[in-house]
């Protein structure tokens, strides 16, 4: 089972940061291989886990095997809150999305859907130097509102909404970016499974230290 909540001691080993896997198991496998090579001790996933790609159940099982700690994204929320019987697709494009939605729900089954339902919208992780990481899909102000690379610093500050976390890790936009705003850092880790560049999977690594966390963004081809 993917880790959902629970207290933990401060992290001392490198932490893998990923988001927006979207059921792309091939891309996830490539990223997990890179993170294993980098000897990460924990993997944090900023939502949008299984909907959109061809292998939702395999993706979920891989995250569970990696003991990833996940928050809920918009597509995860939709899978458990939207009743397919209430949807009426009116175009070929909508029909294709509807069919993918139904296939994903069937592939996951009731048990995994219930586990998705229980995922939190936010997760806080302490680090060895006393600082804190906040994991959220969209933003601290609203998990459904994105922090994208095109925003001004003032717009990013508004979406931080006075949250005290030292590092805010998010996704949703599929475009990686790193902001340094005063003492805080905001990291959009892009997308594992739906990067706009094509067969590229984004990831980040946070390395805790007593001098403060070091953060890098990278990618792997698959």
N, C-alpha and C. Protein backbone atom coordinates (compact mmCIF):
# COMPACT_ATOMS: atom_id res chain seq x y z
N UNK A 1 0.84 -1.20 0.00
CA UNK A 1 0.00 0.00 0.00
C UNK A 1 0.88 1.24 0.00
N UNK A 2 0.55 2.23 -0.82
CA UNK A 2 1.28 3.48 -0.84
C UNK A 2 1.11 4.17 0.51
N UNK A 3 2.22 4.67 1.06
CA UNK A 3 2.15 5.34 2.35
C UNK A 3 1.36 6.62 2.24
N UNK A 4 0.41 6.80 3.16
CA UNK A 4 -0.50 7.94 3.09
C UNK A 4 -0.17 8.97 4.14
N UNK A 5 -0.18 8.60 5.39
CA UNK A 5 0.07 9.52 6.47
C UNK A 5 0.92 8.83 7.52
N UNK A 6 1.31 9.59 8.54
CA UNK A 6 2.05 9.00 9.63
C UNK A 6 3.26 9.83 9.99
N UNK A 7 3.59 9.82 11.28
CA UNK A 7 4.74 10.55 11.75
C UNK A 7 6.01 9.81 11.34
N UNK A 8 7.09 10.58 11.21
CA UNK A 8 8.35 9.96 10.88
C UNK A 8 9.46 10.82 11.46
N UNK A 9 10.61 10.22 11.72
CA UNK A 9 11.75 11.02 12.18
C UNK A 9 12.26 11.90 11.05
N UNK A 10 13.04 12.93 11.37
CA UNK A 10 13.57 13.80 10.32
C UNK A 10 14.36 13.03 9.28
N UNK A 11 14.17 13.40 8.03
CA UNK A 11 14.86 12.71 6.94
C UNK A 11 16.32 13.14 6.88
N UNK A 12 17.20 12.18 6.69
CA UNK A 12 18.64 12.44 6.58
C UNK A 12 19.19 12.04 5.21
N UNK A 13 18.53 11.10 4.54
CA UNK A 13 19.01 10.63 3.24
C UNK A 13 18.37 11.43 2.11
N UNK A 14 18.94 11.35 0.90
CA UNK A 14 18.33 12.04 -0.25
C UNK A 14 16.88 11.62 -0.46
N UNK A 15 16.05 12.56 -0.88
CA UNK A 15 14.62 12.34 -1.11
C UNK A 15 14.33 12.55 -2.59
N UNK A 16 13.68 11.60 -3.23
CA UNK A 16 13.24 11.75 -4.60
C UNK A 16 11.93 12.51 -4.67
N UNK A 17 11.84 13.45 -5.59
CA UNK A 17 10.65 14.30 -5.75
C UNK A 17 10.08 14.08 -7.14
N UNK A 18 8.84 13.60 -7.23
CA UNK A 18 8.21 13.39 -8.54
C UNK A 18 6.75 13.80 -8.48
N UNK A 19 6.14 13.91 -9.65
CA UNK A 19 4.73 14.27 -9.75
C UNK A 19 4.17 13.82 -11.09
N UNK A 20 2.85 13.82 -11.19
CA UNK A 20 2.14 13.66 -12.46
C UNK A 20 2.64 12.45 -13.26
N UNK A 21 2.53 11.29 -12.64
CA UNK A 21 2.91 10.05 -13.31
C UNK A 21 1.88 9.67 -14.36
N UNK A 22 0.61 9.90 -14.07
CA UNK A 22 -0.49 9.70 -15.02
C UNK A 22 -0.52 8.29 -15.62
N UNK A 23 -0.27 7.30 -14.79
CA UNK A 23 -0.40 5.93 -15.26
C UNK A 23 0.63 5.50 -16.28
N UNK A 24 1.73 6.24 -16.41
CA UNK A 24 2.77 5.90 -17.38
C UNK A 24 3.84 5.08 -16.67
N UNK A 25 3.62 3.78 -16.63
CA UNK A 25 4.51 2.91 -15.88
C UNK A 25 5.91 2.87 -16.49
N UNK A 26 6.01 2.94 -17.80
CA UNK A 26 7.33 2.91 -18.45
C UNK A 26 8.17 4.10 -17.99
N UNK A 27 7.57 5.28 -17.96
CA UNK A 27 8.29 6.46 -17.50
C UNK A 27 8.64 6.36 -16.02
N UNK A 28 7.69 5.89 -15.22
CA UNK A 28 7.95 5.76 -13.79
C UNK A 28 9.09 4.78 -13.52
N UNK A 29 9.10 3.69 -14.24
CA UNK A 29 10.17 2.70 -14.04
C UNK A 29 11.53 3.31 -14.33
N UNK A 30 11.61 4.15 -15.37
CA UNK A 30 12.88 4.80 -15.69
C UNK A 30 13.31 5.75 -14.57
N UNK A 31 12.36 6.51 -14.04
CA UNK A 31 12.69 7.44 -12.95
C UNK A 31 13.07 6.69 -11.69
N UNK A 32 12.34 5.63 -11.35
CA UNK A 32 12.68 4.86 -10.16
C UNK A 32 14.08 4.26 -10.28
N UNK A 33 14.46 3.88 -11.49
CA UNK A 33 15.82 3.38 -11.68
C UNK A 33 16.87 4.44 -11.40
N UNK A 34 16.60 5.67 -11.86
CA UNK A 34 17.54 6.77 -11.58
C UNK A 34 17.59 7.08 -10.09
N UNK A 35 16.45 7.09 -9.44
CA UNK A 35 16.43 7.40 -8.01
C UNK A 35 17.13 6.31 -7.21
N UNK A 36 16.99 5.07 -7.63
CA UNK A 36 17.71 3.98 -6.95
C UNK A 36 19.22 4.16 -7.13
N UNK A 37 19.65 4.56 -8.32
CA UNK A 37 21.07 4.80 -8.57
C UNK A 37 21.61 5.92 -7.68
N UNK A 38 20.74 6.90 -7.38
CA UNK A 38 21.14 8.02 -6.54
C UNK A 38 20.96 7.73 -5.05
N UNK A 39 20.50 6.52 -4.73
CA UNK A 39 20.39 6.04 -3.35
C UNK A 39 19.47 6.92 -2.51
N UNK A 40 18.31 7.28 -3.08
CA UNK A 40 17.36 8.06 -2.29
C UNK A 40 16.75 7.17 -1.21
N UNK A 41 16.38 7.80 -0.10
CA UNK A 41 15.80 7.04 0.98
C UNK A 41 14.29 7.12 1.05
N UNK A 42 13.72 8.12 0.41
CA UNK A 42 12.28 8.36 0.44
C UNK A 42 11.87 8.96 -0.90
N UNK A 43 10.67 8.64 -1.36
CA UNK A 43 10.13 9.23 -2.58
C UNK A 43 8.83 9.93 -2.24
N UNK A 44 8.73 11.21 -2.61
CA UNK A 44 7.52 12.00 -2.43
C UNK A 44 6.89 12.24 -3.79
N UNK A 45 5.56 12.07 -3.87
CA UNK A 45 4.86 12.17 -5.16
C UNK A 45 3.73 13.19 -5.02
N UNK A 46 3.77 14.23 -5.85
CA UNK A 46 2.84 15.35 -5.73
C UNK A 46 1.57 15.17 -6.57
N UNK A 47 1.01 13.96 -6.57
CA UNK A 47 -0.31 13.75 -7.13
C UNK A 47 -0.38 13.45 -8.61
N UNK A 48 -1.62 13.25 -9.09
CA UNK A 48 -1.92 12.82 -10.46
C UNK A 48 -1.16 11.53 -10.77
N UNK A 49 -1.56 10.50 -10.10
CA UNK A 49 -0.79 9.26 -10.09
C UNK A 49 -1.09 8.31 -11.24
N UNK A 50 -2.37 8.05 -11.52
CA UNK A 50 -2.69 6.87 -12.33
C UNK A 50 -3.56 7.14 -13.56
N UNK A 51 -4.23 8.25 -13.64
CA UNK A 51 -5.15 8.49 -14.75
C UNK A 51 -4.44 9.12 -15.94
N UNK A 52 -4.66 8.55 -17.13
CA UNK A 52 -4.14 9.14 -18.35
C UNK A 52 -3.23 8.24 -19.16
N UNK A 53 -2.62 7.24 -18.51
CA UNK A 53 -1.71 6.35 -19.21
C UNK A 53 -2.25 4.94 -19.30
N UNK A 54 -1.48 4.06 -19.94
CA UNK A 54 -1.99 2.72 -20.23
C UNK A 54 -1.87 1.73 -19.09
N UNK A 55 -1.20 2.08 -17.99
CA UNK A 55 -0.92 1.08 -16.96
C UNK A 55 -1.17 1.64 -15.56
N UNK A 56 -2.41 1.97 -15.24
CA UNK A 56 -2.67 2.57 -13.93
C UNK A 56 -2.37 1.64 -12.76
N UNK A 57 -2.77 0.35 -12.86
CA UNK A 57 -2.56 -0.55 -11.74
C UNK A 57 -1.07 -0.85 -11.55
N UNK A 58 -0.34 -1.06 -12.64
CA UNK A 58 1.10 -1.30 -12.53
C UNK A 58 1.80 -0.09 -11.92
N UNK A 59 1.33 1.11 -12.29
CA UNK A 59 1.91 2.32 -11.72
C UNK A 59 1.67 2.38 -10.22
N UNK A 60 0.44 2.12 -9.80
CA UNK A 60 0.12 2.14 -8.38
C UNK A 60 0.95 1.11 -7.61
N UNK A 61 1.07 -0.07 -8.17
CA UNK A 61 1.84 -1.12 -7.49
C UNK A 61 3.32 -0.75 -7.38
N UNK A 62 3.86 -0.10 -8.41
CA UNK A 62 5.26 0.32 -8.37
C UNK A 62 5.47 1.38 -7.30
N UNK A 63 4.55 2.32 -7.17
CA UNK A 63 4.65 3.33 -6.12
C UNK A 63 4.54 2.68 -4.75
N UNK A 64 3.65 1.70 -4.63
CA UNK A 64 3.50 1.00 -3.36
C UNK A 64 4.78 0.24 -3.01
N UNK A 65 5.37 -0.45 -4.00
CA UNK A 65 6.59 -1.20 -3.75
C UNK A 65 7.74 -0.28 -3.33
N UNK A 66 7.74 0.95 -3.86
CA UNK A 66 8.77 1.92 -3.52
C UNK A 66 8.47 2.64 -2.19
N UNK A 67 7.33 2.30 -1.56
CA UNK A 67 6.89 2.95 -0.32
C UNK A 67 6.83 4.46 -0.47
N UNK A 68 6.37 4.89 -1.65
CA UNK A 68 6.25 6.32 -1.92
C UNK A 68 5.20 6.95 -1.02
N UNK A 69 5.44 8.20 -0.64
CA UNK A 69 4.45 8.97 0.11
C UNK A 69 3.81 9.94 -0.87
N UNK A 70 2.50 9.86 -0.99
CA UNK A 70 1.78 10.55 -2.06
C UNK A 70 0.72 11.49 -1.50
N UNK A 71 0.48 12.57 -2.23
CA UNK A 71 -0.70 13.38 -2.02
C UNK A 71 -1.61 13.23 -3.23
N UNK A 72 -2.82 13.75 -3.10
CA UNK A 72 -3.85 13.56 -4.11
C UNK A 72 -3.83 14.72 -5.10
N UNK A 73 -3.85 14.39 -6.39
CA UNK A 73 -3.97 15.39 -7.44
C UNK A 73 -5.40 15.48 -7.95
N UNK A 74 -5.62 16.36 -8.91
CA UNK A 74 -6.97 16.56 -9.43
C UNK A 74 -7.53 15.30 -10.08
N UNK A 75 -6.70 14.59 -10.83
CA UNK A 75 -7.20 13.39 -11.49
C UNK A 75 -7.46 12.27 -10.49
N UNK A 76 -6.66 12.22 -9.43
CA UNK A 76 -6.91 11.23 -8.38
C UNK A 76 -8.24 11.52 -7.70
N UNK A 77 -8.48 12.80 -7.43
CA UNK A 77 -9.74 13.19 -6.81
C UNK A 77 -10.92 12.83 -7.73
N UNK A 78 -10.77 13.10 -9.02
CA UNK A 78 -11.86 12.81 -9.96
C UNK A 78 -12.19 11.33 -10.00
N UNK A 79 -11.17 10.48 -9.96
CA UNK A 79 -11.41 9.04 -10.03
C UNK A 79 -12.30 8.54 -8.92
N UNK A 80 -12.22 9.17 -7.76
CA UNK A 80 -12.99 8.67 -6.61
C UNK A 80 -14.23 9.51 -6.29
N UNK A 81 -14.34 10.69 -6.89
CA UNK A 81 -15.47 11.56 -6.56
C UNK A 81 -16.47 11.72 -7.70
N UNK A 82 -16.07 11.42 -8.92
CA UNK A 82 -16.96 11.59 -10.07
C UNK A 82 -17.61 10.26 -10.41
N UNK A 83 -18.92 10.27 -10.52
CA UNK A 83 -19.69 9.07 -10.88
C UNK A 83 -19.77 8.97 -12.40
N UNK A 84 -19.19 7.93 -13.00
CA UNK A 84 -19.23 7.81 -14.46
C UNK A 84 -20.65 7.81 -15.02
N UNK A 85 -21.61 7.32 -14.24
CA UNK A 85 -23.00 7.27 -14.72
C UNK A 85 -23.60 8.66 -14.91
N UNK A 86 -22.97 9.67 -14.30
CA UNK A 86 -23.47 11.03 -14.43
C UNK A 86 -22.80 11.81 -15.56
N UNK A 87 -21.85 11.19 -16.24
CA UNK A 87 -21.13 11.83 -17.33
C UNK A 87 -21.81 11.52 -18.66
N UNK A 88 -21.92 12.53 -19.51
CA UNK A 88 -22.51 12.37 -20.83
C UNK A 88 -21.60 13.00 -21.88
N UNK A 89 -20.62 12.25 -22.37
CA UNK A 89 -19.70 12.81 -23.37
C UNK A 89 -20.45 13.23 -24.62
N UNK A 90 -20.11 14.42 -25.14
CA UNK A 90 -20.84 14.98 -26.28
C UNK A 90 -19.98 15.12 -27.53
N UNK A 91 -18.74 14.67 -27.48
CA UNK A 91 -17.87 14.73 -28.65
C UNK A 91 -16.97 13.51 -28.65
N UNK A 92 -16.29 13.27 -29.76
CA UNK A 92 -15.37 12.14 -29.83
C UNK A 92 -14.24 12.28 -28.82
N UNK A 93 -13.75 13.51 -28.64
CA UNK A 93 -12.68 13.75 -27.67
C UNK A 93 -13.15 13.46 -26.25
N UNK A 94 -14.34 13.94 -25.92
CA UNK A 94 -14.88 13.67 -24.60
C UNK A 94 -15.14 12.18 -24.40
N UNK A 95 -15.59 11.51 -25.45
CA UNK A 95 -15.83 10.07 -25.37
C UNK A 95 -14.53 9.33 -25.08
N UNK A 96 -13.44 9.74 -25.73
CA UNK A 96 -12.16 9.09 -25.51
C UNK A 96 -11.70 9.28 -24.06
N UNK A 97 -11.87 10.49 -23.51
CA UNK A 97 -11.50 10.73 -22.13
C UNK A 97 -12.39 9.94 -21.17
N UNK A 98 -13.67 9.87 -21.50
CA UNK A 98 -14.60 9.10 -20.67
C UNK A 98 -14.21 7.63 -20.65
N UNK A 99 -13.92 7.08 -21.82
CA UNK A 99 -13.55 5.66 -21.89
C UNK A 99 -12.28 5.38 -21.08
N UNK A 100 -11.30 6.31 -21.15
CA UNK A 100 -10.06 6.14 -20.38
C UNK A 100 -10.35 6.21 -18.89
N UNK A 101 -11.25 7.09 -18.50
CA UNK A 101 -11.64 7.24 -17.10
C UNK A 101 -12.26 5.94 -16.58
N UNK A 102 -13.18 5.39 -17.35
CA UNK A 102 -13.85 4.15 -16.94
C UNK A 102 -12.87 2.98 -16.90
N UNK A 103 -12.00 2.90 -17.91
CA UNK A 103 -11.00 1.81 -17.93
C UNK A 103 -10.08 1.88 -16.72
N UNK A 104 -9.68 3.09 -16.36
CA UNK A 104 -8.78 3.24 -15.22
C UNK A 104 -9.45 2.80 -13.93
N UNK A 105 -10.70 3.21 -13.73
CA UNK A 105 -11.42 2.80 -12.53
C UNK A 105 -11.56 1.28 -12.47
N UNK A 106 -11.87 0.66 -13.59
CA UNK A 106 -12.01 -0.80 -13.60
C UNK A 106 -10.69 -1.49 -13.34
N UNK A 107 -9.61 -0.96 -13.92
CA UNK A 107 -8.30 -1.58 -13.73
C UNK A 107 -7.84 -1.49 -12.28
N UNK A 108 -8.14 -0.39 -11.62
CA UNK A 108 -7.70 -0.21 -10.25
C UNK A 108 -8.50 -1.05 -9.27
N UNK A 109 -9.80 -1.12 -9.46
CA UNK A 109 -10.65 -1.87 -8.54
C UNK A 109 -10.98 -1.06 -7.29
N UNK A 110 -11.94 -1.57 -6.55
CA UNK A 110 -12.47 -0.82 -5.40
C UNK A 110 -11.43 -0.59 -4.31
N UNK A 111 -10.57 -1.55 -4.06
CA UNK A 111 -9.60 -1.42 -2.98
C UNK A 111 -8.63 -0.27 -3.25
N UNK A 112 -8.07 -0.22 -4.45
CA UNK A 112 -7.13 0.86 -4.77
C UNK A 112 -7.85 2.20 -4.83
N UNK A 113 -9.06 2.23 -5.37
CA UNK A 113 -9.82 3.48 -5.39
C UNK A 113 -10.04 4.01 -3.97
N UNK A 114 -10.29 3.12 -3.04
CA UNK A 114 -10.45 3.55 -1.65
C UNK A 114 -9.13 4.08 -1.09
N UNK A 115 -8.03 3.48 -1.46
CA UNK A 115 -6.73 3.99 -1.02
C UNK A 115 -6.45 5.37 -1.63
N UNK A 116 -6.84 5.56 -2.89
CA UNK A 116 -6.72 6.88 -3.50
C UNK A 116 -7.57 7.91 -2.75
N UNK A 117 -8.76 7.50 -2.37
CA UNK A 117 -9.66 8.40 -1.66
C UNK A 117 -9.04 8.90 -0.36
N UNK A 118 -8.26 8.05 0.27
CA UNK A 118 -7.69 8.39 1.58
C UNK A 118 -6.40 9.19 1.50
N UNK A 119 -5.89 9.41 0.31
CA UNK A 119 -4.68 10.22 0.20
C UNK A 119 -4.95 11.64 0.70
N UNK A 120 -3.98 12.25 1.38
CA UNK A 120 -4.16 13.62 1.85
C UNK A 120 -3.94 14.62 0.72
N UNK A 121 -4.39 15.85 0.92
CA UNK A 121 -4.11 16.93 -0.02
C UNK A 121 -2.76 17.56 0.24
N UNK A 122 -2.25 17.42 1.47
CA UNK A 122 -0.94 17.95 1.83
C UNK A 122 -0.21 16.95 2.70
N UNK A 123 1.11 17.03 2.66
CA UNK A 123 1.93 16.17 3.49
C UNK A 123 3.16 16.98 3.90
N UNK A 124 3.51 16.92 5.19
CA UNK A 124 4.66 17.66 5.69
C UNK A 124 5.74 16.67 6.15
N UNK A 125 6.98 16.96 5.77
CA UNK A 125 8.09 16.06 6.04
C UNK A 125 9.20 16.85 6.72
N UNK A 126 9.61 16.46 7.94
CA UNK A 126 10.71 17.16 8.63
C UNK A 126 12.07 16.71 8.11
N UNK A 127 13.03 17.63 8.13
CA UNK A 127 14.40 17.35 7.70
C UNK A 127 15.35 17.46 8.88
N UNK A 128 16.54 16.94 8.71
CA UNK A 128 17.50 16.81 9.80
C UNK A 128 17.92 18.16 10.38
N UNK A 129 17.89 19.23 9.59
CA UNK A 129 18.32 20.55 10.07
C UNK A 129 17.19 21.31 10.76
N UNK A 130 16.02 20.68 10.91
CA UNK A 130 14.88 21.34 11.53
C UNK A 130 13.94 22.02 10.55
N UNK A 131 14.30 22.02 9.26
CA UNK A 131 13.42 22.62 8.25
C UNK A 131 12.33 21.63 7.86
N UNK A 132 11.39 22.10 7.06
CA UNK A 132 10.20 21.29 6.73
C UNK A 132 9.90 21.37 5.25
N UNK A 133 9.51 20.23 4.68
CA UNK A 133 9.05 20.15 3.30
C UNK A 133 7.53 20.00 3.32
N UNK A 134 6.86 20.79 2.49
CA UNK A 134 5.42 20.63 2.26
C UNK A 134 5.22 20.07 0.86
N UNK A 135 4.50 18.95 0.77
CA UNK A 135 4.17 18.33 -0.51
C UNK A 135 2.71 18.59 -0.81
N UNK A 136 2.42 19.15 -1.99
CA UNK A 136 1.05 19.47 -2.39
C UNK A 136 0.98 19.41 -3.91
N UNK A 137 -0.17 19.07 -4.45
CA UNK A 137 -0.29 19.00 -5.91
C UNK A 137 -0.26 20.39 -6.54
N UNK A 138 -1.12 21.28 -6.05
CA UNK A 138 -1.23 22.60 -6.64
C UNK A 138 -0.45 23.64 -5.88
N UNK A 139 -1.00 24.14 -4.79
CA UNK A 139 -0.35 25.18 -4.00
C UNK A 139 -0.84 25.11 -2.56
N UNK A 140 -0.09 25.70 -1.61
CA UNK A 140 -0.55 25.71 -0.22
C UNK A 140 -1.89 26.43 -0.05
N UNK A 141 -2.13 27.46 -0.84
CA UNK A 141 -3.39 28.19 -0.72
C UNK A 141 -4.56 27.34 -1.15
N UNK A 142 -4.35 26.49 -2.17
CA UNK A 142 -5.44 25.68 -2.72
C UNK A 142 -4.80 24.55 -3.52
N UNK A 143 -5.00 23.30 -3.12
CA UNK A 143 -4.37 22.18 -3.84
C UNK A 143 -4.82 22.05 -5.29
N UNK A 144 -5.90 22.76 -5.67
CA UNK A 144 -6.37 22.71 -7.06
C UNK A 144 -5.83 23.85 -7.91
N UNK A 145 -5.09 24.79 -7.31
CA UNK A 145 -4.56 25.96 -8.02
C UNK A 145 -3.06 25.79 -8.20
N UNK A 146 -2.60 25.85 -9.44
CA UNK A 146 -1.22 25.52 -9.79
C UNK A 146 -0.25 26.67 -9.48
N UNK A 147 1.01 26.29 -9.30
CA UNK A 147 2.12 27.24 -9.30
C UNK A 147 2.95 26.95 -10.54
N UNK A 148 2.76 27.75 -11.58
CA UNK A 148 3.41 27.52 -12.86
C UNK A 148 4.60 28.43 -13.08
N UNK A 149 5.47 28.04 -14.00
CA UNK A 149 6.71 28.77 -14.25
C UNK A 149 6.48 30.18 -14.77
N UNK A 150 5.28 30.44 -15.32
CA UNK A 150 4.99 31.75 -15.92
C UNK A 150 4.56 32.78 -14.87
N UNK A 151 4.37 32.37 -13.63
CA UNK A 151 3.88 33.30 -12.60
C UNK A 151 4.98 34.25 -12.15
N UNK A 152 4.56 35.45 -11.77
CA UNK A 152 5.50 36.40 -11.17
C UNK A 152 5.78 35.99 -9.73
N UNK A 153 6.81 36.58 -9.15
CA UNK A 153 7.12 36.27 -7.76
C UNK A 153 5.95 36.65 -6.84
N UNK A 154 5.30 37.75 -7.13
CA UNK A 154 4.16 38.18 -6.31
C UNK A 154 3.02 37.17 -6.39
N UNK A 155 2.80 36.61 -7.59
CA UNK A 155 1.74 35.61 -7.74
C UNK A 155 2.09 34.32 -7.00
N UNK A 156 3.37 33.95 -7.03
CA UNK A 156 3.79 32.75 -6.29
C UNK A 156 3.61 32.96 -4.80
N UNK A 157 4.00 34.14 -4.31
CA UNK A 157 3.84 34.45 -2.88
C UNK A 157 2.38 34.34 -2.48
N UNK A 158 1.47 34.82 -3.32
CA UNK A 158 0.04 34.73 -3.00
C UNK A 158 -0.40 33.27 -2.89
N UNK A 159 0.16 32.41 -3.69
CA UNK A 159 -0.25 31.01 -3.67
C UNK A 159 0.45 30.23 -2.56
N UNK A 160 1.55 30.78 -2.04
CA UNK A 160 2.15 30.19 -0.84
C UNK A 160 1.25 30.45 0.36
N UNK A 161 0.61 31.61 0.39
CA UNK A 161 -0.41 31.95 1.40
C UNK A 161 0.13 31.86 2.83
N UNK A 162 1.33 32.41 3.04
CA UNK A 162 1.92 32.47 4.38
C UNK A 162 2.22 31.09 4.98
N UNK A 163 2.25 30.06 4.16
CA UNK A 163 2.62 28.75 4.70
C UNK A 163 4.07 28.79 5.18
N UNK A 164 4.35 28.24 6.35
CA UNK A 164 5.70 28.37 6.91
C UNK A 164 6.72 27.36 6.40
N UNK A 165 6.33 26.42 5.54
CA UNK A 165 7.28 25.40 5.09
C UNK A 165 8.50 26.03 4.43
N UNK A 166 9.65 25.43 4.67
CA UNK A 166 10.89 25.94 4.08
C UNK A 166 11.01 25.56 2.61
N UNK A 167 10.50 24.38 2.25
CA UNK A 167 10.51 23.91 0.86
C UNK A 167 9.10 23.45 0.51
N UNK A 168 8.54 23.99 -0.56
CA UNK A 168 7.22 23.60 -1.03
C UNK A 168 7.40 22.86 -2.35
N UNK A 169 6.96 21.61 -2.39
CA UNK A 169 7.10 20.76 -3.57
C UNK A 169 5.71 20.57 -4.18
N UNK A 170 5.60 20.86 -5.48
CA UNK A 170 4.31 20.77 -6.16
C UNK A 170 4.49 20.21 -7.56
N UNK A 171 3.37 20.06 -8.26
CA UNK A 171 3.38 19.57 -9.64
C UNK A 171 2.30 20.25 -10.44
N UNK A 172 1.49 19.47 -11.13
CA UNK A 172 0.28 19.90 -11.84
C UNK A 172 0.53 20.51 -13.20
N UNK A 173 1.57 21.32 -13.37
CA UNK A 173 1.76 22.03 -14.64
C UNK A 173 2.55 21.23 -15.67
N UNK A 174 3.26 20.19 -15.22
CA UNK A 174 4.10 19.33 -16.07
C UNK A 174 5.38 20.03 -16.51
N UNK A 175 5.64 21.24 -16.01
CA UNK A 175 6.85 21.99 -16.38
C UNK A 175 7.66 22.24 -15.11
N UNK A 176 8.90 21.71 -15.02
CA UNK A 176 9.68 21.90 -13.80
C UNK A 176 10.20 23.33 -13.66
N UNK A 177 10.27 23.78 -12.41
CA UNK A 177 10.79 25.13 -12.15
C UNK A 177 11.13 25.22 -10.66
N UNK A 178 12.10 26.07 -10.36
CA UNK A 178 12.53 26.29 -8.97
C UNK A 178 12.57 27.78 -8.69
N UNK A 179 11.86 28.19 -7.65
CA UNK A 179 11.87 29.58 -7.20
C UNK A 179 12.56 29.67 -5.85
N UNK A 180 13.31 30.75 -5.62
CA UNK A 180 13.82 31.09 -4.30
C UNK A 180 13.20 32.42 -3.92
N UNK A 181 12.33 32.38 -2.91
CA UNK A 181 11.57 33.56 -2.51
C UNK A 181 11.85 33.80 -1.03
N UNK A 182 12.76 34.73 -0.75
CA UNK A 182 13.19 34.94 0.61
C UNK A 182 13.82 33.67 1.13
N UNK A 183 13.43 33.21 2.32
CA UNK A 183 14.01 31.98 2.87
C UNK A 183 13.37 30.72 2.32
N UNK A 184 12.30 30.86 1.56
CA UNK A 184 11.58 29.69 1.07
C UNK A 184 11.99 29.33 -0.35
N UNK A 185 11.86 28.03 -0.63
CA UNK A 185 12.03 27.56 -2.00
C UNK A 185 10.77 26.81 -2.42
N UNK A 186 10.36 27.07 -3.65
CA UNK A 186 9.20 26.39 -4.24
C UNK A 186 9.70 25.59 -5.42
N UNK A 187 9.39 24.29 -5.43
CA UNK A 187 9.89 23.38 -6.46
C UNK A 187 8.72 22.74 -7.18
N UNK A 188 8.51 23.11 -8.43
CA UNK A 188 7.59 22.36 -9.28
C UNK A 188 8.42 21.31 -10.00
N UNK A 189 8.14 20.04 -9.73
CA UNK A 189 9.00 18.98 -10.23
C UNK A 189 8.59 18.45 -11.59
N UNK A 190 7.65 19.14 -12.26
CA UNK A 190 7.30 18.74 -13.61
C UNK A 190 6.47 17.47 -13.64
N UNK A 191 6.72 16.62 -14.62
CA UNK A 191 5.89 15.43 -14.81
C UNK A 191 6.74 14.22 -15.18
N UNK A 192 6.46 13.11 -14.52
CA UNK A 192 7.07 11.84 -14.91
C UNK A 192 6.45 11.33 -16.21
N UNK A 193 5.12 11.32 -16.26
CA UNK A 193 4.46 10.59 -17.33
C UNK A 193 3.84 11.38 -18.44
N UNK A 194 3.82 12.74 -18.31
CA UNK A 194 3.16 13.55 -19.34
C UNK A 194 3.93 14.83 -19.61
N UNK A 195 5.25 14.73 -19.68
CA UNK A 195 6.07 15.90 -19.95
C UNK A 195 5.81 16.43 -21.35
N UNK A 196 5.76 17.76 -21.53
CA UNK A 196 5.50 18.31 -22.86
C UNK A 196 6.60 18.01 -23.86
N UNK A 197 7.80 17.62 -23.40
CA UNK A 197 8.90 17.31 -24.32
C UNK A 197 8.76 15.96 -25.00
N UNK A 198 7.78 15.17 -24.57
CA UNK A 198 7.64 13.84 -25.14
C UNK A 198 8.17 12.79 -24.19
N UNK A 199 9.02 11.90 -24.68
CA UNK A 199 9.50 10.76 -23.88
C UNK A 199 10.62 11.19 -22.93
N UNK A 200 10.28 12.14 -22.09
CA UNK A 200 11.17 12.66 -21.06
C UNK A 200 10.42 12.57 -19.74
N UNK A 201 11.07 12.12 -18.70
CA UNK A 201 10.45 12.01 -17.38
C UNK A 201 11.23 12.88 -16.40
N UNK A 202 10.55 13.83 -15.79
CA UNK A 202 11.19 14.75 -14.86
C UNK A 202 11.25 14.17 -13.45
N UNK A 203 12.25 14.59 -12.71
CA UNK A 203 12.32 14.26 -11.29
C UNK A 203 13.23 15.27 -10.60
N UNK A 204 13.15 15.30 -9.29
CA UNK A 204 14.04 16.14 -8.49
C UNK A 204 14.63 15.32 -7.36
N UNK A 205 15.68 15.84 -6.77
CA UNK A 205 16.29 15.22 -5.60
C UNK A 205 16.57 16.29 -4.57
N UNK A 206 16.13 16.06 -3.35
CA UNK A 206 16.42 16.94 -2.22
C UNK A 206 17.39 16.21 -1.30
N UNK A 207 18.50 16.87 -0.99
CA UNK A 207 19.52 16.27 -0.13
C UNK A 207 19.56 17.03 1.19
N UNK A 208 19.04 16.44 2.26
CA UNK A 208 19.07 17.12 3.55
C UNK A 208 20.51 17.26 4.08
N UNK A 209 20.75 18.33 4.80
CA UNK A 209 22.03 18.50 5.48
C UNK A 209 21.83 19.49 6.63
N UNK A 210 22.78 19.52 7.55
CA UNK A 210 22.67 20.44 8.67
C UNK A 210 22.81 21.90 8.21
N UNK A 211 23.36 22.11 7.03
CA UNK A 211 23.46 23.45 6.48
C UNK A 211 22.25 23.86 5.66
N UNK A 212 21.24 23.00 5.60
CA UNK A 212 20.05 23.27 4.81
C UNK A 212 19.96 22.35 3.62
N UNK A 213 18.76 22.08 3.13
CA UNK A 213 18.59 21.14 2.02
C UNK A 213 19.12 21.68 0.70
N UNK A 214 19.69 20.78 -0.09
CA UNK A 214 20.12 21.09 -1.46
C UNK A 214 19.15 20.43 -2.42
N UNK A 215 18.73 21.17 -3.45
CA UNK A 215 17.69 20.66 -4.36
C UNK A 215 18.20 20.74 -5.79
N UNK A 216 17.99 19.67 -6.54
CA UNK A 216 18.33 19.65 -7.96
C UNK A 216 17.17 19.07 -8.76
N UNK A 217 17.02 19.56 -9.99
CA UNK A 217 16.02 19.05 -10.92
C UNK A 217 16.71 18.38 -12.09
N UNK A 218 16.14 17.28 -12.56
CA UNK A 218 16.78 16.54 -13.65
C UNK A 218 15.71 15.79 -14.42
N UNK A 219 16.13 15.01 -15.40
CA UNK A 219 15.19 14.21 -16.19
C UNK A 219 15.91 12.99 -16.74
N UNK A 220 15.11 12.03 -17.20
CA UNK A 220 15.66 10.84 -17.83
C UNK A 220 14.81 10.55 -19.06
N UNK A 221 15.44 10.07 -20.12
CA UNK A 221 14.72 9.63 -21.31
C UNK A 221 14.21 8.20 -21.09
N UNK A 222 13.12 7.85 -21.75
CA UNK A 222 12.60 6.49 -21.65
C UNK A 222 12.00 6.05 -22.98
